[in-house]
């Protein structure tokens, strides 16, 4: 139970970063964001994604445009703002620092596990 809670918190912690990264590639529809997250094994449902997108938009990191759809009502496509790019770049640095910290912290333990196998 404790491990599951920690895993959930770890995934939540990187979700916004991953969403900004996906959107930084170009304008994208919400269901395509979900597909990208699922492909990365960060399973997300619409009920989780839309509040995050709204918060990122309200913080000035995203904007959206409406586009006509051939298969129904207009669709909202998200794009990253200049401020969003700046935040993403800072998060890129933070991510690299975290990866280094985790790999360094785990190095001896992983080496010990590898030797015992």
PDB file of N, CA and C in Angstrom:
ATOM      1  N   UNK A   1       0.813  -1.193   0.000  1.00  0.00           N
ATOM      2  CA  UNK A   1       0.000   0.000   0.000  1.00  0.00           C
ATOM      3  C   UNK A   1       0.861   1.264   0.000  1.00  0.00           C
ATOM      4  N   UNK A   2       1.894   1.288   0.830  1.00  0.00           N
ATOM      5  CA  UNK A   2       2.774   2.451   0.887  1.00  0.00           C
ATOM      6  C   UNK A   2       3.478   2.645  -0.450  1.00  0.00           C
ATOM      7  N   UNK A   3       3.968   1.561  -1.041  1.00  0.00           N
ATOM      8  CA  UNK A   3       4.656   1.648  -2.332  1.00  0.00           C
ATOM      9  C   UNK A   3       3.708   2.168  -3.403  1.00  0.00           C
ATOM     10  N   UNK A   4       2.468   1.703  -3.399  1.00  0.00           N
ATOM     11  CA  UNK A   4       1.494   2.162  -4.398  1.00  0.00           C
ATOM     12  C   UNK A   4       1.241   3.656  -4.271  1.00  0.00           C
ATOM     13  N   UNK A   5       1.094   4.148  -3.037  1.00  0.00           N
ATOM     14  CA  UNK A   5       0.873   5.578  -2.834  1.00  0.00           C
ATOM     15  C   UNK A   5       2.067   6.392  -3.321  1.00  0.00           C
ATOM     16  N   UNK A   6       3.261   5.910  -3.047  1.00  0.00           N
ATOM     17  CA  UNK A   6       4.467   6.601  -3.503  1.00  0.00           C
ATOM     18  C   UNK A   6       4.539   6.602  -5.024  1.00  0.00           C
ATOM     19  N   UNK A   7       4.217   5.480  -5.642  1.00  0.00           N
ATOM     20  CA  UNK A   7       4.230   5.405  -7.109  1.00  0.00           C
ATOM     21  C   UNK A   7       3.241   6.401  -7.704  1.00  0.00           C
ATOM     22  N   UNK A   8       2.061   6.490  -7.127  1.00  0.00           N
ATOM     23  CA  UNK A   8       1.045   7.428  -7.617  1.00  0.00           C
ATOM     24  C   UNK A   8       1.546   8.860  -7.498  1.00  0.00           C
ATOM     25  N   UNK A   9       2.141   9.199  -6.355  1.00  0.00           N
ATOM     26  CA  UNK A   9       2.646  10.556  -6.150  1.00  0.00           C
ATOM     27  C   UNK A   9       3.788  10.882  -7.104  1.00  0.00           C
ATOM     28  N   UNK A  10       4.642   9.906  -7.374  1.00  0.00           N
ATOM     29  CA  UNK A  10       5.744  10.128  -8.313  1.00  0.00           C
ATOM     30  C   UNK A  10       5.200  10.424  -9.708  1.00  0.00           C
ATOM     31  N   UNK A  11       4.198   9.661 -10.133  1.00  0.00           N
ATOM     32  CA  UNK A  11       3.607   9.878 -11.458  1.00  0.00           C
ATOM     33  C   UNK A  11       2.914  11.242 -11.533  1.00  0.00           C
ATOM     34  N   UNK A  12       2.179  11.597 -10.488  1.00  0.00           N
ATOM     35  CA  UNK A  12       1.514  12.900 -10.462  1.00  0.00           C
ATOM     36  C   UNK A  12       2.534  14.027 -10.556  1.00  0.00           C
ATOM     37  N   UNK A  13       3.668  13.823  -9.904  1.00  0.00           N
ATOM     38  CA  UNK A  13       4.699  14.842  -9.872  1.00  0.00           C
ATOM     39  C   UNK A  13       5.293  15.168 -11.229  1.00  0.00           C
ATOM     40  N   UNK A  14       5.304  14.200 -12.127  1.00  0.00           N
ATOM     41  CA  UNK A  14       5.908  14.460 -13.438  1.00  0.00           C
ATOM     42  C   UNK A  14       4.875  14.655 -14.549  1.00  0.00           C
ATOM     43  N   UNK A  15       3.615  14.519 -14.220  1.00  0.00           N
ATOM     44  CA  UNK A  15       2.567  14.578 -15.233  1.00  0.00           C
ATOM     45  C   UNK A  15       2.513  15.934 -15.940  1.00  0.00           C
ATOM     46  N   UNK A  16       2.527  17.022 -15.191  1.00  0.00           N
ATOM     47  CA  UNK A  16       2.477  18.344 -15.813  1.00  0.00           C
ATOM     48  C   UNK A  16       3.685  18.568 -16.714  1.00  0.00           C
ATOM     49  N   UNK A  17       4.836  18.112 -16.261  1.00  0.00           N
ATOM     50  CA  UNK A  17       6.054  18.238 -17.063  1.00  0.00           C
ATOM     51  C   UNK A  17       5.897  17.496 -18.385  1.00  0.00           C
ATOM     52  N   UNK A  18       5.390  16.283 -18.325  1.00  0.00           N
ATOM     53  CA  UNK A  18       5.195  15.486 -19.540  1.00  0.00           C
ATOM     54  C   UNK A  18       4.154  16.121 -20.462  1.00  0.00           C
ATOM     55  N   UNK A  19       3.093  16.650 -19.891  1.00  0.00           N
ATOM     56  CA  UNK A  19       2.054  17.302 -20.698  1.00  0.00           C
ATOM     57  C   UNK A  19       2.625  18.521 -21.416  1.00  0.00           C
ATOM     58  N   UNK A  20       3.364  19.353 -20.700  1.00  0.00           N
ATOM     59  CA  UNK A  20       3.985  20.516 -21.344  1.00  0.00           C
ATOM     60  C   UNK A  20       4.939  20.084 -22.451  1.00  0.00           C
ATOM     61  N   UNK A  21       5.693  19.041 -22.197  1.00  0.00           N
ATOM     62  CA  UNK A  21       6.633  18.543 -23.197  1.00  0.00           C
ATOM     63  C   UNK A  21       5.912  18.065 -24.454  1.00  0.00           C
ATOM     64  N   UNK A  22       4.831  17.329 -24.275  1.00  0.00           N
ATOM     65  CA  UNK A  22       4.047  16.838 -25.423  1.00  0.00           C
ATOM     66  C   UNK A  22       3.475  18.001 -26.220  1.00  0.00           C
ATOM     67  N   UNK A  23       2.905  18.966 -25.524  1.00  0.00           N
ATOM     68  CA  UNK A  23       2.282  20.099 -26.209  1.00  0.00           C
ATOM     69  C   UNK A  23       3.326  20.986 -26.884  1.00  0.00           C
ATOM     70  N   UNK A  24       4.547  20.978 -26.367  1.00  0.00           N
ATOM     71  CA  UNK A  24       5.590  21.822 -26.964  1.00  0.00           C
ATOM     72  C   UNK A  24       5.951  21.388 -28.382  1.00  0.00           C
ATOM     73  N   UNK A  25       5.577  20.170 -28.774  1.00  0.00           N
ATOM     74  CA  UNK A  25       5.863  19.673 -30.135  1.00  0.00           C
ATOM     75  C   UNK A  25       4.975  20.336 -31.185  1.00  0.00           C
ATOM     76  N   UNK A  26       3.859  20.913 -30.745  1.00  0.00           N
ATOM     77  CA  UNK A  26       2.931  21.556 -31.672  1.00  0.00           C
ATOM     78  C   UNK A  26       1.515  21.417 -31.157  1.00  0.00           C
ATOM     79  N   UNK A  27       0.595  22.168 -31.746  1.00  0.00           N
ATOM     80  CA  UNK A  27      -0.788  22.134 -31.257  1.00  0.00           C
ATOM     81  C   UNK A  27      -1.327  20.707 -31.295  1.00  0.00           C
ATOM     82  N   UNK A  28      -2.139  20.400 -30.278  1.00  0.00           N
ATOM     83  CA  UNK A  28      -2.569  19.015 -30.110  1.00  0.00           C
ATOM     84  C   UNK A  28      -3.929  18.965 -29.428  1.00  0.00           C
ATOM     85  N   UNK A  29      -4.709  17.999 -29.813  1.00  0.00           N
ATOM     86  CA  UNK A  29      -6.035  17.751 -29.263  1.00  0.00           C
ATOM     87  C   UNK A  29      -5.894  16.921 -27.988  1.00  0.00           C
ATOM     88  N   UNK A  30      -6.789  17.119 -27.024  1.00  0.00           N
ATOM     89  CA  UNK A  30      -6.675  16.464 -25.716  1.00  0.00           C
ATOM     90  C   UNK A  30      -6.594  14.937 -25.817  1.00  0.00           C
ATOM     91  N   UNK A  31      -7.391  14.332 -26.678  1.00  0.00           N
ATOM     92  CA  UNK A  31      -7.344  12.868 -26.766  1.00  0.00           C
ATOM     93  C   UNK A  31      -5.997  12.391 -27.311  1.00  0.00           C
ATOM     94  N   UNK A  32      -5.344  13.212 -28.113  1.00  0.00           N
ATOM     95  CA  UNK A  32      -4.007  12.853 -28.596  1.00  0.00           C
ATOM     96  C   UNK A  32      -2.975  12.966 -27.471  1.00  0.00           C
ATOM     97  N   UNK A  33      -3.190  13.913 -26.548  1.00  0.00           N
ATOM     98  CA  UNK A  33      -2.311  14.013 -25.372  1.00  0.00           C
ATOM     99  C   UNK A  33      -2.449  12.737 -24.547  1.00  0.00           C
ATOM    100  N   UNK A  34      -3.689  12.301 -24.338  1.00  0.00           N
ATOM    101  CA  UNK A  34      -3.928  11.069 -23.587  1.00  0.00           C
ATOM    102  C   UNK A  34      -3.241   9.891 -24.263  1.00  0.00           C
ATOM    103  N   UNK A  35      -3.336   9.817 -25.584  1.00  0.00           N
ATOM    104  CA  UNK A  35      -2.679   8.721 -26.311  1.00  0.00           C
ATOM    105  C   UNK A  35      -1.166   8.742 -26.103  1.00  0.00           C
ATOM    106  N   UNK A  36      -0.580   9.918 -26.143  1.00  0.00           N
ATOM    107  CA  UNK A  36       0.867  10.043 -25.932  1.00  0.00           C
ATOM    108  C   UNK A  36       1.254   9.621 -24.519  1.00  0.00           C
ATOM    109  N   UNK A  37       0.453  10.023 -23.546  1.00  0.00           N
ATOM    110  CA  UNK A  37       0.737   9.651 -22.166  1.00  0.00           C
ATOM    111  C   UNK A  37       0.588   8.142 -21.959  1.00  0.00           C
ATOM    112  N   UNK A  38      -0.408   7.554 -22.594  1.00  0.00           N
ATOM    113  CA  UNK A  38      -0.584   6.101 -22.489  1.00  0.00           C
ATOM    114  C   UNK A  38       0.579   5.372 -23.145  1.00  0.00           C
ATOM    115  N   UNK A  39       1.038   5.901 -24.273  1.00  0.00           N
ATOM    116  CA  UNK A  39       2.186   5.305 -24.957  1.00  0.00           C
ATOM    117  C   UNK A  39       3.424   5.328 -24.055  1.00  0.00           C
ATOM    118  N   UNK A  40       3.527   6.372 -23.238  1.00  0.00           N
ATOM    119  CA  UNK A  40       4.637   6.497 -22.299  1.00  0.00           C
ATOM    120  C   UNK A  40       4.360   5.761 -20.986  1.00  0.00           C
ATOM    121  N   UNK A  41       3.256   5.037 -20.937  1.00  0.00           N
ATOM    122  CA  UNK A  41       2.825   4.270 -19.768  1.00  0.00           C
ATOM    123  C   UNK A  41       2.504   5.155 -18.569  1.00  0.00           C
ATOM    124  N   UNK A  42       2.076   6.377 -18.851  1.00  0.00           N
ATOM    125  CA  UNK A  42       1.539   7.277 -17.824  1.00  0.00           C
ATOM    126  C   UNK A  42       0.034   7.324 -18.044  1.00  0.00           C
ATOM    127  N   UNK A  43      -0.631   6.285 -17.626  1.00  0.00           N
ATOM    128  CA  UNK A  43      -2.057   6.159 -17.894  1.00  0.00           C
ATOM    129  C   UNK A  43      -2.820   7.306 -17.256  1.00  0.00           C
ATOM    130  N   UNK A  44      -3.599   7.988 -18.081  1.00  0.00           N
ATOM    131  CA  UNK A  44      -4.355   9.143 -17.639  1.00  0.00           C
ATOM    132  C   UNK A  44      -5.737   9.063 -18.262  1.00  0.00           C
ATOM    133  N   UNK A  45      -6.739   9.479 -17.519  1.00  0.00           N
ATOM    134  CA  UNK A  45      -8.094   9.546 -18.052  1.00  0.00           C
ATOM    135  C   UNK A  45      -8.465  11.001 -18.237  1.00  0.00           C
ATOM    136  N   UNK A  46      -9.513  11.242 -19.022  1.00  0.00           N
ATOM    137  CA  UNK A  46      -9.923  12.612 -19.303  1.00  0.00           C
ATOM    138  C   UNK A  46     -10.194  13.398 -18.027  1.00  0.00           C
ATOM    139  N   UNK A  47     -10.763  12.729 -17.026  1.00  0.00           N
ATOM    140  CA  UNK A  47     -11.080  13.399 -15.768  1.00  0.00           C
ATOM    141  C   UNK A  47      -9.857  13.913 -15.037  1.00  0.00           C
ATOM    142  N   UNK A  48      -8.697  13.357 -15.339  1.00  0.00           N
ATOM    143  CA  UNK A  48      -7.433  13.830 -14.772  1.00  0.00           C
ATOM    144  C   UNK A  48      -6.818  14.903 -15.658  1.00  0.00           C
ATOM    145  N   UNK A  49      -6.903  14.709 -16.962  1.00  0.00           N
ATOM    146  CA  UNK A  49      -6.225  15.601 -17.902  1.00  0.00           C
ATOM    147  C   UNK A  49      -6.844  16.995 -17.960  1.00  0.00           C
ATOM    148  N   UNK A  50      -8.155  17.076 -18.087  1.00  0.00           N
ATOM    149  CA  UNK A  50      -8.785  18.382 -18.302  1.00  0.00           C
ATOM    150  C   UNK A  50      -8.548  19.376 -17.169  1.00  0.00           C
ATOM    151  N   UNK A  51      -8.626  18.959 -15.898  1.00  0.00           N
ATOM    152  CA  UNK A  51      -8.286  19.932 -14.842  1.00  0.00           C
ATOM    153  C   UNK A  51      -6.829  20.403 -14.917  1.00  0.00           C
ATOM    154  N   UNK A  52      -5.916  19.500 -15.294  1.00  0.00           N
ATOM    155  CA  UNK A  52      -4.513  19.898 -15.449  1.00  0.00           C
ATOM    156  C   UNK A  52      -4.358  20.897 -16.592  1.00  0.00           C
ATOM    157  N   UNK A  53      -5.009  20.630 -17.718  1.00  0.00           N
ATOM    158  CA  UNK A  53      -4.937  21.556 -18.853  1.00  0.00           C
ATOM    159  C   UNK A  53      -5.512  22.917 -18.476  1.00  0.00           C
ATOM    160  N   UNK A  54      -6.601  22.915 -17.742  1.00  0.00           N
ATOM    161  CA  UNK A  54      -7.218  24.179 -17.310  1.00  0.00           C
ATOM    162  C   UNK A  54      -6.272  24.942 -16.392  1.00  0.00           C
ATOM    163  N   UNK A  55      -5.654  24.245 -15.441  1.00  0.00           N
ATOM    164  CA  UNK A  55      -4.720  24.909 -14.529  1.00  0.00           C
ATOM    165  C   UNK A  55      -3.520  25.472 -15.290  1.00  0.00           C
ATOM    166  N   UNK A  56      -2.974  24.696 -16.221  1.00  0.00           N
ATOM    167  CA  UNK A  56      -1.838  25.176 -17.017  1.00  0.00           C
ATOM    168  C   UNK A  56      -2.229  26.379 -17.862  1.00  0.00           C
ATOM    169  N   UNK A  57      -3.445  26.365 -18.413  1.00  0.00           N
ATOM    170  CA  UNK A  57      -3.935  27.510 -19.191  1.00  0.00           C
ATOM    171  C   UNK A  57      -4.118  28.732 -18.292  1.00  0.00           C
ATOM    172  N   UNK A  58      -4.741  28.533 -17.130  1.00  0.00           N
ATOM    173  CA  UNK A  58      -4.976  29.647 -16.203  1.00  0.00           C
ATOM    174  C   UNK A  58      -3.672  30.246 -15.689  1.00  0.00           C
ATOM    175  N   UNK A  59      -2.627  29.438 -15.657  1.00  0.00           N
ATOM    176  CA  UNK A  59      -1.304  29.924 -15.247  1.00  0.00           C
ATOM    177  C   UNK A  59      -0.525  30.550 -16.403  1.00  0.00           C
ATOM    178  N   UNK A  60      -1.136  30.608 -17.579  1.00  0.00           N
ATOM    179  CA  UNK A  60      -0.506  31.260 -18.728  1.00  0.00           C
ATOM    180  C   UNK A  60       0.492  30.395 -19.464  1.00  0.00           C
ATOM    181  N   UNK A  61       0.512  29.090 -19.184  1.00  0.00           N
ATOM    182  CA  UNK A  61       1.494  28.212 -19.812  1.00  0.00           C
ATOM    183  C   UNK A  61       0.980  27.596 -21.109  1.00  0.00           C
ATOM    184  N   UNK A  62      -0.333  27.567 -21.261  1.00  0.00           N
ATOM    185  CA  UNK A  62      -0.977  27.023 -22.459  1.00  0.00           C
ATOM    186  C   UNK A  62      -2.014  27.995 -22.970  1.00  0.00           C
ATOM    187  N   UNK A  63      -2.314  27.855 -24.240  1.00  0.00           N
ATOM    188  CA  UNK A  63      -3.477  28.522 -24.824  1.00  0.00           C
ATOM    189  C   UNK A  63      -4.172  27.474 -25.686  1.00  0.00           C
ATOM    190  N   UNK A  64      -5.311  27.825 -26.200  1.00  0.00           N
ATOM    191  CA  UNK A  64      -5.990  26.890 -27.094  1.00  0.00           C
ATOM    192  C   UNK A  64      -6.696  27.636 -28.204  1.00  0.00           C
ATOM    193  N   UNK A  65      -6.948  26.895 -29.268  1.00  0.00           N
ATOM    194  CA  UNK A  65      -7.715  27.424 -30.389  1.00  0.00           C
ATOM    195  C   UNK A  65      -8.783  26.395 -30.737  1.00  0.00           C
ATOM    196  N   UNK A  66      -9.893  26.884 -31.236  1.00  0.00           N
ATOM    197  CA  UNK A  66     -10.968  26.000 -31.678  1.00  0.00           C
ATOM    198  C   UNK A  66     -10.788  25.740 -33.158  1.00  0.00           C
ATOM    199  N   UNK A  67     -10.937  24.487 -33.547  1.00  0.00           N
ATOM    200  CA  UNK A  67     -10.863  24.114 -34.963  1.00  0.00           C
ATOM    201  C   UNK A  67     -12.082  23.288 -35.315  1.00  0.00           C
ATOM    202  N   UNK A  68     -12.593  23.535 -36.490  1.00  0.00           N
ATOM    203  CA  UNK A  68     -13.732  22.752 -36.974  1.00  0.00           C
ATOM    204  C   UNK A  68     -13.315  21.295 -37.135  1.00  0.00           C
ATOM    205  N   UNK A  69     -14.261  20.416 -36.875  1.00  0.00           N
ATOM    206  CA  UNK A  69     -14.014  18.992 -37.011  1.00  0.00           C
ATOM    207  C   UNK A  69     -14.940  18.435 -38.084  1.00  0.00           C
ATOM    208  N   UNK A  70     -14.438  17.506 -38.863  1.00  0.00           N
ATOM    209  CA  UNK A  70     -15.273  16.872 -39.889  1.00  0.00           C
ATOM    210  C   UNK A  70     -16.189  15.817 -39.282  1.00  0.00           C
ATOM    211  N   UNK A  71     -15.910  15.446 -38.017  1.00  0.00           N
ATOM    212  CA  UNK A  71     -16.694  14.368 -37.403  1.00  0.00           C
ATOM    213  C   UNK A  71     -17.457  14.824 -36.164  1.00  0.00           C
ATOM    214  N   UNK A  72     -17.880  16.075 -36.126  1.00  0.00           N
ATOM    215  CA  UNK A  72     -18.644  16.528 -34.969  1.00  0.00           C
ATOM    216  C   UNK A  72     -18.404  17.996 -34.685  1.00  0.00           C
ATOM    217  N   UNK A  73     -18.583  18.366 -33.427  1.00  0.00           N
ATOM    218  CA  UNK A  73     -18.423  19.782 -33.053  1.00  0.00           C
ATOM    219  C   UNK A  73     -16.967  20.228 -33.139  1.00  0.00           C
ATOM    220  N   UNK A  74     -16.747  21.540 -33.097  1.00  0.00           N
ATOM    221  CA  UNK A  74     -15.364  22.043 -33.109  1.00  0.00           C
ATOM    222  C   UNK A  74     -14.554  21.446 -31.960  1.00  0.00           C
ATOM    223  N   UNK A  75     -13.257  21.332 -32.180  1.00  0.00           N
ATOM    224  CA  UNK A  75     -12.363  20.749 -31.178  1.00  0.00           C
ATOM    225  C   UNK A  75     -11.396  21.809 -30.661  1.00  0.00           C
ATOM    226  N   UNK A  76     -11.038  21.655 -29.397  1.00  0.00           N
ATOM    227  CA  UNK A  76     -10.093  22.561 -28.754  1.00  0.00           C
ATOM    228  C   UNK A  76      -8.688  21.965 -28.896  1.00  0.00           C
ATOM    229  N   UNK A  77      -7.800  22.712 -29.528  1.00  0.00           N
ATOM    230  CA  UNK A  77      -6.414  22.290 -29.686  1.00  0.00           C
ATOM    231  C   UNK A  77      -5.527  23.167 -28.801  1.00  0.00           C
ATOM    232  N   UNK A  78      -4.673  22.513 -28.042  1.00  0.00           N
ATOM    233  CA  UNK A  78      -3.803  23.213 -27.095  1.00  0.00           C
ATOM    234  C   UNK A  78      -2.448  23.496 -27.717  1.00  0.00           C
ATOM    235  N   UNK A  79      -1.873  24.621 -27.296  1.00  0.00           N
ATOM    236  CA  UNK A  79      -0.512  24.958 -27.700  1.00  0.00           C
ATOM    237  C   UNK A  79       0.182  25.636 -26.525  1.00  0.00           C
ATOM    238  N   UNK A  80       1.492  25.501 -26.500  1.00  0.00           N
ATOM    239  CA  UNK A  80       2.267  26.061 -25.399  1.00  0.00           C
ATOM    240  C   UNK A  80       2.540  27.537 -25.676  1.00  0.00           C
ATOM    241  N   UNK A  81       2.543  28.349 -24.631  1.00  0.00           N
ATOM    242  CA  UNK A  81       2.828  29.774 -24.765  1.00  0.00           C
ATOM    243  C   UNK A  81       4.327  30.011 -24.575  1.00  0.00           C
ATOM    244  N   UNK A  82       4.754  31.249 -24.822  1.00  0.00           N
ATOM    245  CA  UNK A  82       6.157  31.597 -24.591  1.00  0.00           C
ATOM    246  C   UNK A  82       6.520  31.381 -23.124  1.00  0.00           C
ATOM    247  N   UNK A  83       5.617  31.745 -22.229  1.00  0.00           N
ATOM    248  CA  UNK A  83       5.864  31.522 -20.800  1.00  0.00           C
ATOM    249  C   UNK A  83       5.931  30.018 -20.489  1.00  0.00           C
ATOM    250  N   UNK A  84       5.093  29.252 -21.163  1.00  0.00           N
ATOM    251  CA  UNK A  84       5.110  27.804 -20.992  1.00  0.00           C
ATOM    252  C   UNK A  84       6.434  27.208 -21.424  1.00  0.00           C
ATOM    253  N   UNK A  85       6.995  27.724 -22.503  1.00  0.00           N
ATOM    254  CA  UNK A  85       8.299  27.241 -22.977  1.00  0.00           C
ATOM    255  C   UNK A  85       9.379  27.555 -21.949  1.00  0.00           C
ATOM    256  N   UNK A  86       9.321  28.760 -21.363  1.00  0.00           N
ATOM    257  CA  UNK A  86      10.298  29.115 -20.331  1.00  0.00           C
ATOM    258  C   UNK A  86      10.193  28.181 -19.128  1.00  0.00           C
ATOM    259  N   UNK A  87       8.971  27.903 -18.698  1.00  0.00           N
ATOM    260  CA  UNK A  87       8.769  26.989 -17.568  1.00  0.00           C
ATOM    261  C   UNK A  87       9.268  25.596 -17.936  1.00  0.00           C
ATOM    262  N   UNK A  88       8.955  25.143 -19.142  1.00  0.00           N
ATOM    263  CA  UNK A  88       9.394  23.822 -19.592  1.00  0.00           C
ATOM    264  C   UNK A  88      10.917  23.722 -19.593  1.00  0.00           C
ATOM    265  N   UNK A  89      11.584  24.756 -20.029  1.00  0.00           N
ATOM    266  CA  UNK A  89      13.048  24.753 -20.039  1.00  0.00           C
ATOM    267  C   UNK A  89      13.605  24.664 -18.624  1.00  0.00           C
ATOM    268  N   UNK A  90      12.969  25.353 -17.675  1.00  0.00           N
ATOM    269  CA  UNK A  90      13.407  25.246 -16.271  1.00  0.00           C
ATOM    270  C   UNK A  90      13.144  23.842 -15.733  1.00  0.00           C
ATOM    271  N   UNK A  91      12.005  23.272 -16.126  1.00  0.00           N
ATOM    272  CA  UNK A  91      11.689  21.909 -15.695  1.00  0.00           C
ATOM    273  C   UNK A  91      12.651  20.895 -16.310  1.00  0.00           C
ATOM    274  N   UNK A  92      13.116  21.158 -17.534  1.00  0.00           N
ATOM    275  CA  UNK A  92      14.118  20.278 -18.158  1.00  0.00           C
ATOM    276  C   UNK A  92      15.377  20.213 -17.293  1.00  0.00           C
ATOM    277  N   UNK A  93      15.809  21.366 -16.798  1.00  0.00           N
ATOM    278  CA  UNK A  93      16.996  21.420 -15.944  1.00  0.00           C
ATOM    279  C   UNK A  93      16.728  20.663 -14.647  1.00  0.00           C
ATOM    280  N   UNK A  94      15.568  20.920 -14.056  1.00  0.00           N
ATOM    281  CA  UNK A  94      15.210  20.234 -12.812  1.00  0.00           C
ATOM    282  C   UNK A  94      15.159  18.731 -13.018  1.00  0.00           C
ATOM    283  N   UNK A  95      14.586  18.292 -14.147  1.00  0.00           N
ATOM    284  CA  UNK A  95      14.508  16.861 -14.431  1.00  0.00           C
ATOM    285  C   UNK A  95      15.905  16.240 -14.495  1.00  0.00           C
ATOM    286  N   UNK A  96      16.820  16.904 -15.191  1.00  0.00           N
ATOM    287  CA  UNK A  96      18.186  16.381 -15.297  1.00  0.00           C
ATOM    288  C   UNK A  96      18.844  16.288 -13.926  1.00  0.00           C
ATOM    289  N   UNK A  97      18.594  17.290 -13.080  1.00  0.00           N
ATOM    290  CA  UNK A  97      19.148  17.268 -11.727  1.00  0.00           C
ATOM    291  C   UNK A  97      18.552  16.104 -10.918  1.00  0.00           C
ATOM    292  N   UNK A  98      17.254  15.887 -11.061  1.00  0.00           N
ATOM    293  CA  UNK A  98      16.600  14.792 -10.343  1.00  0.00           C
ATOM    294  C   UNK A  98      17.088  13.432 -10.822  1.00  0.00           C
ATOM    295  N   UNK A  99      17.224  13.273 -12.126  1.00  0.00           N
ATOM    296  CA  UNK A  99      17.722  12.004 -12.669  1.00  0.00           C
ATOM    297  C   UNK A  99      19.119  11.729 -12.120  1.00  0.00           C
ATOM    298  N   UNK A 100      19.966  12.748 -12.115  1.00  0.00           N
ATOM    299  CA  UNK A 100      21.319  12.585 -11.576  1.00  0.00           C
ATOM    300  C   UNK A 100      21.271  12.191 -10.098  1.00  0.00           C
ATOM    301  N   UNK A 101      20.433  12.889  -9.333  1.00  0.00           N
ATOM    302  CA  UNK A 101      20.330  12.621  -7.897  1.00  0.00           C
ATOM    303  C   UNK A 101      19.845  11.204  -7.634  1.00  0.00           C
ATOM    304  N   UNK A 102      18.838  10.772  -8.370  1.00  0.00           N
ATOM    305  CA  UNK A 102      18.298   9.429  -8.167  1.00  0.00           C
ATOM    306  C   UNK A 102      19.310   8.379  -8.602  1.00  0.00           C
ATOM    307  N   UNK A 103      19.899   8.550  -9.771  1.00  0.00           N
ATOM    308  CA  UNK A 103      20.884   7.575 -10.238  1.00  0.00           C
ATOM    309  C   UNK A 103      22.073   7.496  -9.292  1.00  0.00           C
ATOM    310  N   UNK A 104      22.508   8.625  -8.779  1.00  0.00           N
ATOM    311  CA  UNK A 104      23.627   8.642  -7.843  1.00  0.00           C
ATOM    312  C   UNK A 104      23.241   7.951  -6.542  1.00  0.00           C
ATOM    313  N   UNK A 105      22.036   8.239  -6.063  1.00  0.00           N
ATOM    314  CA  UNK A 105      21.562   7.638  -4.810  1.00  0.00           C
ATOM    315  C   UNK A 105      21.396   6.130  -4.927  1.00  0.00           C
ATOM    316  N   UNK A 106      20.984   5.666  -6.091  1.00  0.00           N
ATOM    317  CA  UNK A 106      20.719   4.246  -6.285  1.00  0.00           C
ATOM    318  C   UNK A 106      21.924   3.456  -6.772  1.00  0.00           C
ATOM    319  N   UNK A 107      22.978   4.130  -7.154  1.00  0.00           N
ATOM    320  CA  UNK A 107      24.095   3.474  -7.836  1.00  0.00           C
ATOM    321  C   UNK A 107      24.633   2.274  -7.072  1.00  0.00           C
ATOM    322  N   UNK A 108      24.973   2.441  -5.813  1.00  0.00           N
ATOM    323  CA  UNK A 108      25.550   1.323  -5.051  1.00  0.00           C
ATOM    324  C   UNK A 108      24.548   0.191  -4.896  1.00  0.00           C
ATOM    325  N   UNK A 109      23.304   0.515  -4.660  1.00  0.00           N
ATOM    326  CA  UNK A 109      22.293  -0.519  -4.481  1.00  0.00           C
ATOM    327  C   UNK A 109      22.073  -1.284  -5.766  1.00  0.00           C
ATOM    328  N   UNK A 110      21.989  -0.583  -6.885  1.00  0.00           N
ATOM    329  CA  UNK A 110      21.779  -1.233  -8.188  1.00  0.00           C
ATOM    330  C   UNK A 110      22.980  -2.099  -8.540  1.00  0.00           C
ATOM    331  N   UNK A 111      24.183  -1.609  -8.293  1.00  0.00           N
ATOM    332  CA  UNK A 111      25.392  -2.393  -8.584  1.00  0.00           C
ATOM    333  C   UNK A 111      25.412  -3.667  -7.738  1.00  0.00           C
ATOM    334  N   UNK A 112      24.988  -3.570  -6.491  1.00  0.00           N
ATOM    335  CA  UNK A 112      24.931  -4.739  -5.608  1.00  0.00           C
ATOM    336  C   UNK A 112      23.902  -5.751  -6.123  1.00  0.00           C
ATOM    337  N   UNK A 113      22.751  -5.267  -6.544  1.00  0.00           N
ATOM    338  CA  UNK A 113      21.705  -6.140  -7.088  1.00  0.00           C
ATOM    339  C   UNK A 113      22.203  -6.821  -8.369  1.00  0.00           C
ATOM    340  N   UNK A 114      22.850  -6.038  -9.252  1.00  0.00           N
ATOM    341  CA  UNK A 114      23.345  -6.595 -10.507  1.00  0.00           C
ATOM    342  C   UNK A 114      24.366  -7.712 -10.262  1.00  0.00           C
ATOM    343  N   UNK A 115      25.210  -7.547  -9.265  1.00  0.00           N
ATOM    344  CA  UNK A 115      26.247  -8.542  -8.970  1.00  0.00           C
ATOM    345  C   UNK A 115      25.664  -9.830  -8.383  1.00  0.00           C
ATOM    346  N   UNK A 116      24.537  -9.702  -7.699  1.00  0.00           N
ATOM    347  CA  UNK A 116      23.949 -10.886  -7.066  1.00  0.00           C
ATOM    348  C   UNK A 116      23.118 -11.715  -8.051  1.00  0.00           C
ATOM    349  N   UNK A 117      22.847 -11.168  -9.199  1.00  0.00           N
ATOM    350  CA  UNK A 117      22.013 -11.894 -10.179  1.00  0.00           C
ATOM    351  C   UNK A 117      22.826 -12.819 -11.025  1.00  0.00           C
TER     352      UNK A 117
END
